[in-house]
Amino acid sequence: MKKILSTIAVTASLVTATPAMSLDDLNWDMQSTYPGSLTQLGTLGKVLSERLTAVSGGSINLKFQEPGAIVPALETFDAVASGAVQAGWSTPGYWTGKDTALALFAAVPFGPRASEYIAWMKFGGGNELFDEIYASYGIKSLACAVIAPEASGWFRNEINSVDDLKGLKMRFFGLGAKVMQKLGVSTQLLAGGDIFPALELGTIDATEFSMPAIDLKLGFYQVAKYYYFPGWHQQSTIFELMLNKDEWDALDDQTKAVFETVCDANITYGIAEGEAIQPAAIAELKEKGVNIQQWDPEILDALRVAWLEVVEEEKAANPNFAKVWESLTNFREQYEGWSELGYLK
């Protein structure tokens, strides 16, 4: 009996001493395309980093690197693909130079709200297509945040017609830039930190960037006083955690599950925070003399027509775009029946 009790005691002590989790120990760099101080766009990356460490009990350390700390912001894709850094914090819309289809995983003009967008990604085939495109570049990317609708632009002067847009030089993101080009706007993509100097110096005449709480922090109101809604080009925006695919594939299943679960939690956090912080930001912008405007329906109609032209051109030019667009469109057509029944208008 003494021997049996002794054996049980030893076994119990070994079980107690065994860690509850057996994760891969990771000390990785995560190059961000956004400053860590930038509301939501950067801070959600920092929240992700902190929660990965906390949930893993210190096994997963993903060091948030400010833009330019390892590589410039818009070189993050190549750095992750090559393995120069293990991870990157960004949005797929920055990488349309690699494949225009990636823009459809970031923000879609006249596209879905956050709940519908994530439904397509998780259960409508979006993630599978996302993986397929990124795998060809040696990247695994996880949808890791979604934010509320953006504004559609800051202008120095009031825009009363489509003609008022012609000839403007404007910072614009993603597929929306191609739409604006069709209406006579000259567009360029600038990283967040480069926009205000360009606007102040007159290198650009107008800009869009994000939602009121974020635009407020960047100070665009100091140069341009007309602020337009709704954000037809970005009704919701997906952000991503990019990982070098070889590094990802080498992880055990439990470690992968921690990444996926924390990203899902970050999606919920980002939506809730983004919706909560807008009213105060709008009130402050009004106090600073900003003219909050809504687009004339005729201008929105012109933008919608131009967008459908862009879709047809992109489908013809890129089989990946055509395949992703078909998937998203089919999902949205099916979803519309539920949306009409289930939601108040």
Protein backbone atom coordinates (compact mmCIF):
# COMPACT_ATOMS: atom_id res chain seq x y z
CA MET A 1 0.00 0.00 0.00
CA LYS A 2 2.86 2.39 0.82
CA LYS A 3 4.41 1.68 -2.58
CA ILE A 4 1.09 2.34 -4.35
CA LEU A 5 0.54 5.60 -2.48
CA SER A 6 4.11 6.65 -3.20
CA THR A 7 3.66 5.97 -6.91
CA ILE A 8 0.40 7.95 -7.00
CA ALA A 9 2.07 10.88 -5.25
CA VAL A 10 4.98 10.94 -7.69
CA THR A 11 2.62 10.74 -10.67
CA ALA A 12 0.47 13.55 -9.30
CA SER A 13 3.50 15.76 -8.78
CA LEU A 14 4.62 15.20 -12.37
CA VAL A 15 1.16 16.07 -13.72
CA THR A 16 1.08 19.22 -11.59
CA ALA A 17 4.52 20.25 -12.80
CA THR A 18 3.59 19.83 -16.47
CA PRO A 19 2.74 23.19 -18.13
CA ALA A 20 -0.90 23.65 -19.09
CA MET A 21 0.16 24.69 -22.59
CA SER A 22 2.89 23.41 -24.87
CA LEU A 23 3.32 26.11 -27.47
CA ASP A 24 6.13 26.99 -29.82
CA ASP A 25 8.32 29.68 -28.27
CA LEU A 26 8.35 32.59 -30.67
CA ASN A 27 10.23 35.86 -30.61
CA TRP A 28 9.20 37.42 -33.91
CA ASP A 29 9.20 40.88 -35.42
CA MET A 30 5.92 42.28 -36.77
CA GLN A 31 6.59 45.15 -39.16
CA SER A 32 3.63 47.54 -39.13
CA THR A 33 2.48 49.75 -41.97
CA TYR A 34 0.86 52.07 -39.39
CA PRO A 35 2.34 53.95 -36.41
CA GLY A 36 1.53 52.28 -33.12
CA SER A 37 0.02 55.53 -31.80
CA LEU A 38 -2.51 55.79 -34.66
CA THR A 39 -6.03 55.08 -33.38
CA GLN A 40 -7.26 51.64 -34.44
CA LEU A 41 -5.05 51.27 -37.50
CA GLY A 42 -1.93 51.05 -35.36
CA THR A 43 -3.32 50.44 -31.89
CA LEU A 44 -5.17 47.30 -32.97
CA GLY A 45 -1.81 45.86 -34.03
CA LYS A 46 -0.40 46.61 -30.60
CA VAL A 47 -3.44 45.08 -28.88
CA LEU A 48 -2.91 41.97 -31.00
CA SER A 49 0.74 41.75 -29.98
CA GLU A 50 -0.03 42.19 -26.28
CA ARG A 51 -2.84 39.64 -26.27
CA LEU A 52 -0.82 37.00 -28.08
CA THR A 53 1.78 37.25 -25.33
CA ALA A 54 -0.84 37.18 -22.57
CA VAL A 55 -2.91 34.31 -23.95
CA SER A 56 0.18 32.19 -24.66
CA GLY A 57 1.60 32.75 -21.19
CA GLY A 58 4.62 34.50 -22.67
CA SER A 59 5.42 31.86 -25.29
CA ILE A 60 4.43 34.04 -28.27
CA ASN A 61 6.16 37.41 -28.49
CA LEU A 62 5.32 39.35 -31.62
CA LYS A 63 7.24 42.61 -31.39
CA PHE A 64 5.35 45.53 -32.95
CA GLN A 65 7.80 47.42 -35.17
CA GLU A 66 6.99 50.99 -36.13
CA PRO A 67 6.91 51.89 -39.86
CA GLY A 68 10.49 52.08 -41.10
CA ALA A 69 11.96 50.33 -38.06
CA ILE A 70 13.01 47.36 -40.21
CA VAL A 71 11.67 48.25 -43.67
CA PRO A 72 9.53 51.15 -44.99
CA ALA A 73 5.80 50.70 -44.47
CA LEU A 74 4.93 49.85 -48.05
CA GLU A 75 7.76 47.29 -48.32
CA THR A 76 6.25 45.09 -45.62
CA PHE A 77 4.78 42.60 -48.09
CA ASP A 78 8.13 41.80 -49.67
CA ALA A 79 9.84 41.64 -46.29
CA VAL A 80 7.37 39.05 -44.98
CA ALA A 81 7.40 37.05 -48.23
CA SER A 82 11.20 36.83 -48.22
CA GLY A 83 11.45 36.07 -44.50
CA ALA A 84 13.32 39.30 -43.74
CA VAL A 85 10.66 39.70 -41.05
CA GLN A 86 8.43 36.96 -39.77
CA ALA A 87 5.22 39.00 -39.65
CA GLY A 88 3.54 42.20 -40.79
CA TRP A 89 0.55 44.28 -39.67
CA SER A 90 -1.30 45.85 -42.59
CA THR A 91 -4.34 45.71 -44.85
CA PRO A 92 -4.49 43.70 -48.10
CA GLY A 93 -5.50 46.82 -50.02
CA TYR A 94 -1.93 48.09 -49.91
CA TRP A 95 -0.76 45.20 -52.09
CA THR A 96 -2.77 45.69 -55.28
CA GLY A 97 0.52 46.07 -57.14
CA LYS A 98 1.04 42.36 -56.47
CA ASP A 99 -2.52 41.24 -57.26
CA THR A 100 -5.53 43.50 -57.67
CA ALA A 101 -7.74 40.76 -56.19
CA LEU A 102 -6.22 41.44 -52.77
CA ALA A 103 -8.10 44.74 -52.71
CA LEU A 104 -11.37 42.78 -52.45
CA PHE A 105 -10.19 41.43 -49.09
CA ALA A 106 -9.60 44.94 -47.73
CA ALA A 107 -12.48 47.23 -48.72
CA VAL A 108 -15.03 47.08 -51.53
CA PRO A 109 -16.62 50.20 -53.02
CA PHE A 110 -20.37 50.13 -52.33
CA GLY A 111 -19.57 46.92 -50.51
CA PRO A 112 -20.64 45.06 -47.38
CA ARG A 113 -20.77 46.26 -43.80
CA ALA A 114 -18.47 44.57 -41.32
CA SER A 115 -20.80 41.74 -40.28
CA GLU A 116 -21.56 40.71 -43.86
CA TYR A 117 -17.92 41.03 -44.90
CA ILE A 118 -16.66 38.75 -42.14
CA ALA A 119 -19.50 36.30 -42.82
CA TRP A 120 -18.22 35.95 -46.39
CA MET A 121 -14.63 35.58 -45.25
CA LYS A 122 -15.40 32.96 -42.60
CA PHE A 123 -18.27 31.01 -44.15
CA GLY A 124 -18.67 32.11 -47.77
CA GLY A 125 -15.37 31.03 -49.29
CA GLY A 126 -13.42 34.25 -48.81
CA ASN A 127 -10.72 32.78 -46.56
CA GLU A 128 -10.01 29.94 -48.96
CA LEU A 129 -9.43 32.36 -51.84
CA PHE A 130 -7.39 34.62 -49.57
CA ASP A 131 -5.11 31.71 -48.67
CA GLU A 132 -4.80 30.64 -52.29
CA ILE A 133 -3.61 34.03 -53.52
CA TYR A 134 -1.23 34.71 -50.64
CA ALA A 135 0.30 31.22 -50.75
CA SER A 136 1.70 31.95 -54.22
CA TYR A 137 3.79 34.71 -52.59
CA GLY A 138 4.96 32.64 -49.63
CA ILE A 139 2.61 34.40 -47.16
CA LYS A 140 -0.09 33.22 -44.78
CA SER A 141 -2.43 36.04 -43.85
CA LEU A 142 -5.10 36.10 -41.15
CA ALA A 143 -7.99 38.59 -41.14
CA CYS A 144 -7.28 40.17 -37.77
CA ALA A 145 -9.43 43.31 -37.44
CA VAL A 146 -12.38 45.03 -39.09
CA ILE A 147 -13.28 48.68 -38.63
CA ALA A 148 -16.41 50.76 -39.15
CA PRO A 149 -17.18 52.87 -42.26
CA GLU A 150 -14.72 55.53 -43.30
CA ALA A 151 -15.31 59.05 -44.47
CA SER A 152 -14.77 59.54 -48.18
CA GLY A 153 -12.54 62.56 -48.23
CA TRP A 154 -11.19 65.91 -47.09
CA PHE A 155 -11.40 68.77 -49.59
CA ARG A 156 -10.29 72.38 -49.51
CA ASN A 157 -13.45 73.49 -51.32
CA GLU A 158 -17.05 72.32 -51.41
CA ILE A 159 -17.83 69.68 -54.06
CA ASN A 160 -21.17 70.42 -55.72
CA SER A 161 -20.86 68.35 -58.88
CA VAL A 162 -18.73 65.74 -60.59
CA ASP A 163 -17.05 68.56 -62.52
CA ASP A 164 -15.65 69.91 -59.23
CA LEU A 165 -13.64 66.70 -58.88
CA LYS A 166 -11.92 66.95 -62.23
CA GLY A 167 -8.26 67.84 -62.09
CA LEU A 168 -7.87 67.33 -58.34
CA LYS A 169 -4.77 65.57 -57.00
CA MET A 170 -5.90 63.27 -54.23
CA ARG A 171 -4.50 60.59 -51.96
CA PHE A 172 -6.78 57.59 -52.37
CA PHE A 173 -6.70 53.97 -51.31
CA GLY A 174 -7.46 50.70 -53.04
CA LEU A 175 -10.10 50.15 -55.68
CA GLY A 176 -11.73 53.48 -54.88
CA ALA A 177 -8.73 55.19 -56.45
CA LYS A 178 -9.56 53.64 -59.83
CA VAL A 179 -13.11 54.94 -59.49
CA MET A 180 -11.92 58.46 -58.77
CA GLN A 181 -9.59 58.33 -61.75
CA LYS A 182 -12.58 57.72 -64.00
CA LEU A 183 -14.08 60.97 -62.72
CA GLY A 184 -10.95 62.93 -63.59
CA VAL A 185 -9.08 62.80 -60.27
CA SER A 186 -5.33 62.17 -60.26
CA THR A 187 -4.71 59.73 -57.39
CA GLN A 188 -1.72 58.45 -55.50
CA LEU A 189 -1.30 56.10 -52.55
CA LEU A 190 0.54 57.57 -49.57
CA ALA A 191 1.25 55.95 -46.21
CA GLY A 192 -0.58 57.58 -43.29
CA GLY A 193 2.38 59.56 -41.99
CA ASP A 194 3.07 61.11 -45.40
CA ILE A 195 -0.41 62.51 -46.05
CA PHE A 196 -0.53 65.65 -43.90
CA PRO A 197 2.78 67.09 -45.21
CA ALA A 198 1.65 66.46 -48.79
CA LEU A 199 -1.69 68.15 -48.12
CA GLU A 200 -0.08 71.09 -46.31
CA LEU A 201 2.51 71.65 -49.06
CA GLY A 202 -0.07 71.39 -51.84
CA THR A 203 1.43 68.24 -53.35
CA ILE A 204 -2.11 66.91 -53.12
CA ASP A 205 -5.37 68.89 -53.09
CA ALA A 206 -7.47 66.42 -51.15
CA THR A 207 -7.24 63.14 -49.29
CA GLU A 208 -9.19 60.28 -47.84
CA PHE A 209 -7.72 58.14 -45.11
CA SER A 210 -10.06 56.70 -42.51
CA MET A 211 -12.86 57.33 -40.02
CA PRO A 212 -13.40 60.57 -38.03
CA ALA A 213 -11.57 59.45 -34.86
CA ILE A 214 -8.50 58.57 -36.91
CA ASP A 215 -8.57 61.52 -39.31
CA LEU A 216 -8.94 63.88 -36.34
CA LYS A 217 -5.67 62.65 -34.89
CA LEU A 218 -3.84 63.21 -38.18
CA GLY A 219 -4.93 66.85 -38.30
CA PHE A 220 -6.31 67.08 -41.83
CA TYR A 221 -8.86 69.65 -40.60
CA GLN A 222 -6.03 72.18 -40.32
CA VAL A 223 -5.71 72.32 -44.11
CA ALA A 224 -9.01 71.08 -45.58
CA LYS A 225 -12.34 72.03 -43.99
CA TYR A 226 -14.85 70.07 -46.10
CA TYR A 227 -15.33 66.50 -44.91
CA TYR A 228 -17.53 64.18 -46.98
CA PHE A 229 -19.69 61.16 -46.11
CA PRO A 230 -20.59 58.36 -46.60
CA GLY A 231 -17.42 56.43 -47.27
CA TRP A 232 -18.75 54.75 -50.40
CA HIS A 233 -15.32 53.24 -51.08
CA GLN A 234 -14.88 51.67 -47.60
CA GLN A 235 -18.05 50.72 -45.77
CA SER A 236 -15.83 48.42 -43.73
CA THR A 237 -12.12 47.64 -43.86
CA ILE A 238 -10.27 44.43 -43.04
CA PHE A 239 -6.79 44.44 -41.50
CA GLU A 240 -4.42 41.53 -41.56
CA LEU A 241 -1.64 39.76 -39.76
CA MET A 242 0.73 38.59 -42.50
CA LEU A 243 3.07 35.71 -41.64
CA ASN A 244 5.91 34.18 -43.59
CA LYS A 245 4.35 30.94 -44.83
CA ASP A 246 7.35 28.73 -44.08
CA GLU A 247 7.36 30.01 -40.51
CA TRP A 248 3.61 29.51 -40.21
CA ASP A 249 3.69 25.99 -41.64
CA ALA A 250 6.36 25.02 -39.10
CA LEU A 251 4.13 25.93 -36.13
CA ASP A 252 2.28 23.26 -34.17
CA ASP A 253 -1.53 23.21 -34.36
CA GLN A 254 -1.96 24.61 -30.87
CA THR A 255 0.18 27.65 -31.62
CA LYS A 256 -1.71 28.26 -34.86
CA ALA A 257 -4.97 28.06 -32.92
CA VAL A 258 -3.77 30.76 -30.52
CA PHE A 259 -3.02 33.10 -33.45
CA GLU A 260 -6.41 32.42 -35.05
CA THR A 261 -8.35 32.82 -31.81
CA VAL A 262 -6.65 36.07 -30.82
CA CYS A 263 -7.26 37.45 -34.32
CA ASP A 264 -10.97 36.58 -34.01
CA ALA A 265 -11.07 38.39 -30.66
CA ASN A 266 -9.32 41.38 -32.23
CA ILE A 267 -12.05 41.57 -34.88
CA THR A 268 -14.71 41.91 -32.19
CA TYR A 269 -12.65 44.45 -30.26
CA GLY A 270 -11.97 46.56 -33.36
CA ILE A 271 -15.60 46.74 -34.46
CA ALA A 272 -16.80 47.69 -30.99
CA GLU A 273 -14.13 50.31 -30.42
CA GLY A 274 -14.53 51.81 -33.88
CA GLU A 275 -18.26 52.30 -33.48
CA ALA A 276 -17.90 53.72 -29.96
CA ILE A 277 -15.34 56.46 -30.64
CA GLN A 278 -16.89 58.21 -33.66
CA PRO A 279 -19.55 60.49 -32.06
CA ALA A 280 -17.07 62.37 -29.87
CA ALA A 281 -14.67 62.75 -32.79
CA ILE A 282 -17.36 64.21 -35.04
CA ALA A 283 -18.36 66.67 -32.33
CA GLU A 284 -14.75 67.80 -31.91
CA LEU A 285 -14.27 68.22 -35.66
CA LYS A 286 -17.35 70.45 -35.79
CA GLU A 287 -15.91 72.54 -32.95
CA LYS A 288 -12.76 72.99 -35.04
CA GLY A 289 -14.79 74.47 -37.89
CA VAL A 290 -15.03 71.42 -40.13
CA ASN A 291 -17.95 71.39 -42.56
CA ILE A 292 -19.50 67.91 -42.42
CA GLN A 293 -21.04 67.18 -45.82
CA GLN A 294 -22.98 64.34 -47.43
CA TRP A 295 -22.55 63.52 -51.07
CA ASP A 296 -25.21 64.67 -53.48
CA PRO A 297 -27.12 61.59 -54.75
CA GLU A 298 -26.14 62.42 -58.34
CA ILE A 299 -22.44 62.30 -57.41
CA LEU A 300 -22.93 58.98 -55.62
CA ASP A 301 -24.70 57.62 -58.70
CA ALA A 302 -21.77 58.69 -60.89
CA LEU A 303 -19.33 57.01 -58.50
CA ARG A 304 -21.38 53.80 -58.55
CA VAL A 305 -21.47 53.72 -62.38
CA ALA A 306 -17.70 54.28 -62.50
CA TRP A 307 -17.18 51.48 -59.97
CA LEU A 308 -19.07 48.96 -62.10
CA GLU A 309 -16.86 49.93 -65.05
CA VAL A 310 -13.78 49.31 -62.90
CA VAL A 311 -15.12 45.89 -61.91
CA GLU A 312 -15.51 44.82 -65.53
CA GLU A 313 -12.02 46.06 -66.41
CA GLU A 314 -10.42 44.29 -63.45
CA LYS A 315 -12.26 41.04 -64.15
CA ALA A 316 -11.00 41.08 -67.73
CA ALA A 317 -7.42 41.85 -66.66
CA ASN A 318 -7.02 39.45 -63.72
CA PRO A 319 -8.54 35.93 -63.40
CA ASN A 320 -8.01 36.07 -59.62
CA PHE A 321 -10.06 39.24 -59.39
CA ALA A 322 -12.84 37.65 -61.45
CA LYS A 323 -12.88 34.57 -59.22
CA VAL A 324 -12.95 36.53 -55.94
CA TRP A 325 -15.55 38.98 -57.26
CA GLU A 326 -17.81 36.10 -58.32
CA SER A 327 -17.54 34.53 -54.87
CA LEU A 328 -18.31 37.79 -53.06
CA THR A 329 -21.15 38.70 -55.43
CA ASN A 330 -22.82 35.29 -55.09
CA PHE A 331 -22.61 35.51 -51.31
CA ARG A 332 -24.04 39.02 -51.24
CA GLU A 333 -26.94 38.06 -53.51
CA GLN A 334 -27.88 35.22 -51.16
CA TYR A 335 -27.33 37.37 -48.08
CA GLU A 336 -29.61 40.11 -49.40
CA GLY A 337 -32.71 38.00 -48.74
CA TRP A 338 -31.74 37.66 -45.09
CA SER A 339 -30.74 41.31 -44.79
CA GLU A 340 -34.09 42.47 -46.20
CA LEU A 341 -36.00 40.29 -43.74
CA GLY A 342 -33.88 40.59 -40.66
CA TYR A 343 -32.74 44.19 -40.42
CA LEU A 344 -34.59 47.46 -39.96
CA LYS A 345 -34.04 49.87 -42.82
